[in-house]
C-alpha atoms as a PDB file:
ATOM      1  CA  MET A   1      59.086  83.909 -19.647  1.00  0.00           C
ATOM      2  CA  MET A   2      58.498  81.386 -16.884  1.00  0.00           C
ATOM      3  CA  SER A   3      55.184  81.385 -15.072  1.00  0.00           C
ATOM      4  CA  THR A   4      55.119  81.276 -11.301  1.00  0.00           C
ATOM      5  CA  PHE A   5      53.058  78.959  -9.167  1.00  0.00           C
ATOM      6  CA  ASP A   6      50.904  80.664  -6.549  1.00  0.00           C
ATOM      7  CA  ILE A   7      51.012  78.320  -3.569  1.00  0.00           C
ATOM      8  CA  GLU A   8      47.774  79.760  -2.160  1.00  0.00           C
ATOM      9  CA  GLU A   9      45.879  78.918  -5.363  1.00  0.00           C
ATOM     10  CA  GLY A  10      47.371  75.416  -5.507  1.00  0.00           C
ATOM     11  CA  MET A  11      46.218  74.445  -2.033  1.00  0.00           C
ATOM     12  CA  THR A  12      42.947  72.793  -1.051  1.00  0.00           C
ATOM     13  CA  ASP A  13      41.081  73.408   2.206  1.00  0.00           C
ATOM     14  CA  ALA A  14      42.936  70.477   3.742  1.00  0.00           C
ATOM     15  CA  GLY A  15      46.255  72.134   2.923  1.00  0.00           C
ATOM     16  CA  LYS A  16      47.293  69.583   0.319  1.00  0.00           C
ATOM     17  CA  SER A  17      48.276  70.453  -3.218  1.00  0.00           C
ATOM     18  CA  SER A  18      45.385  70.190  -5.670  1.00  0.00           C
ATOM     19  CA  THR A  19      47.711  69.672  -8.631  1.00  0.00           C
ATOM     20  CA  PRO A  20      48.289  66.114  -9.924  1.00  0.00           C
ATOM     21  CA  ARG A  21      51.105  64.278  -8.184  1.00  0.00           C
ATOM     22  CA  MET A  22      53.937  63.201 -10.427  1.00  0.00           C
ATOM     23  CA  VAL A  23      54.729  59.509 -10.320  1.00  0.00           C
ATOM     24  CA  LYS A  24      57.307  57.464 -12.160  1.00  0.00           C
ATOM     25  CA  GLY A  25      56.328  57.483 -15.819  1.00  0.00           C
ATOM     26  CA  GLY A  26      54.177  60.610 -15.610  1.00  0.00           C
ATOM     27  CA  ILE A  27      50.575  61.240 -14.674  1.00  0.00           C
ATOM     28  CA  PHE A  28      48.900  58.956 -17.211  1.00  0.00           C
ATOM     29  CA  ALA A  29      47.950  55.350 -16.544  1.00  0.00           C
ATOM     30  CA  PRO A  30      48.962  52.751 -19.142  1.00  0.00           C
ATOM     31  CA  ASN A  31      45.327  52.491 -20.313  1.00  0.00           C
ATOM     32  CA  ASP A  32      45.266  56.263 -20.792  1.00  0.00           C
ATOM     33  CA  ILE A  33      48.372  56.132 -22.963  1.00  0.00           C
ATOM     34  CA  ALA A  34      46.921  53.369 -25.138  1.00  0.00           C
ATOM     35  CA  LEU A  35      43.752  55.423 -25.690  1.00  0.00           C
ATOM     36  CA  ILE A  36      45.724  58.603 -26.430  1.00  0.00           C
ATOM     37  CA  LYS A  37      47.828  56.725 -28.997  1.00  0.00           C
ATOM     38  CA  LYS A  38      44.688  55.387 -30.721  1.00  0.00           C
ATOM     39  CA  ALA A  39      43.125  58.853 -30.786  1.00  0.00           C
ATOM     40  CA  LEU A  40      46.275  60.403 -32.257  1.00  0.00           C
ATOM     41  CA  MET A  41      46.530  57.732 -34.955  1.00  0.00           C
ATOM     42  CA  PHE A  42      42.857  58.249 -35.827  1.00  0.00           C
ATOM     43  CA  TYR A  43      43.424  62.025 -36.004  1.00  0.00           C
ATOM     44  CA  ILE A  44      46.330  61.644 -38.412  1.00  0.00           C
ATOM     45  CA  GLY A  45      44.481  59.140 -40.606  1.00  0.00           C
ATOM     46  CA  HIS A  46      41.059  60.779 -40.732  1.00  0.00           C
ATOM     47  CA  SER A  47      41.506  64.533 -40.372  1.00  0.00           C
ATOM     48  CA  GLY A  48      41.587  66.365 -43.674  1.00  0.00           C
ATOM     49  CA  ASP A  49      43.209  69.508 -42.326  1.00  0.00           C
ATOM     50  CA  VAL A  50      46.388  68.086 -40.746  1.00  0.00           C
ATOM     51  CA  THR A  51      49.371  70.225 -41.650  1.00  0.00           C
ATOM     52  CA  GLU A  52      52.836  68.781 -42.148  1.00  0.00           C
ATOM     53  CA  LEU A  53      53.916  70.383 -38.863  1.00  0.00           C
ATOM     54  CA  ASP A  54      50.918  68.884 -37.029  1.00  0.00           C
ATOM     55  CA  GLU A  55      51.751  65.476 -38.451  1.00  0.00           C
ATOM     56  CA  LYS A  56      55.426  65.710 -37.419  1.00  0.00           C
ATOM     57  CA  GLN A  57      54.515  66.847 -33.909  1.00  0.00           C
ATOM     58  CA  THR A  58      51.940  64.062 -33.582  1.00  0.00           C
ATOM     59  CA  VAL A  59      54.404  61.434 -34.771  1.00  0.00           C
ATOM     60  CA  ASN A  60      56.970  62.725 -32.259  1.00  0.00           C
ATOM     61  CA  LEU A  61      54.359  62.554 -29.485  1.00  0.00           C
ATOM     62  CA  LEU A  62      53.459  58.992 -30.476  1.00  0.00           C
ATOM     63  CA  HIS A  63      57.154  58.107 -30.346  1.00  0.00           C
ATOM     64  CA  ARG A  64      57.445  59.523 -26.806  1.00  0.00           C
ATOM     65  CA  LEU A  65      54.309  57.669 -25.740  1.00  0.00           C
ATOM     66  CA  ASN A  66      55.674  54.398 -27.185  1.00  0.00           C
ATOM     67  CA  ASN A  67      58.727  54.793 -24.984  1.00  0.00           C
ATOM     68  CA  ARG A  68      56.479  54.904 -21.898  1.00  0.00           C
ATOM     69  CA  ILE A  69      54.903  51.478 -22.396  1.00  0.00           C
END
């Protein structure tokens, strides 16, 4: 089921959208992506309760992030 966006809730007093603007490459800066990648690698290496599914999803996310930079 798709959620709907309520335009009234997404507007600020100035009438501009309060949601992040999409730019080429997404909404994260290159420094953000580098930090996210480090945090994900630390999570995989140091968390004792990582399931196989969590690990696969994290590796896939790291792969997508590597394609951004």
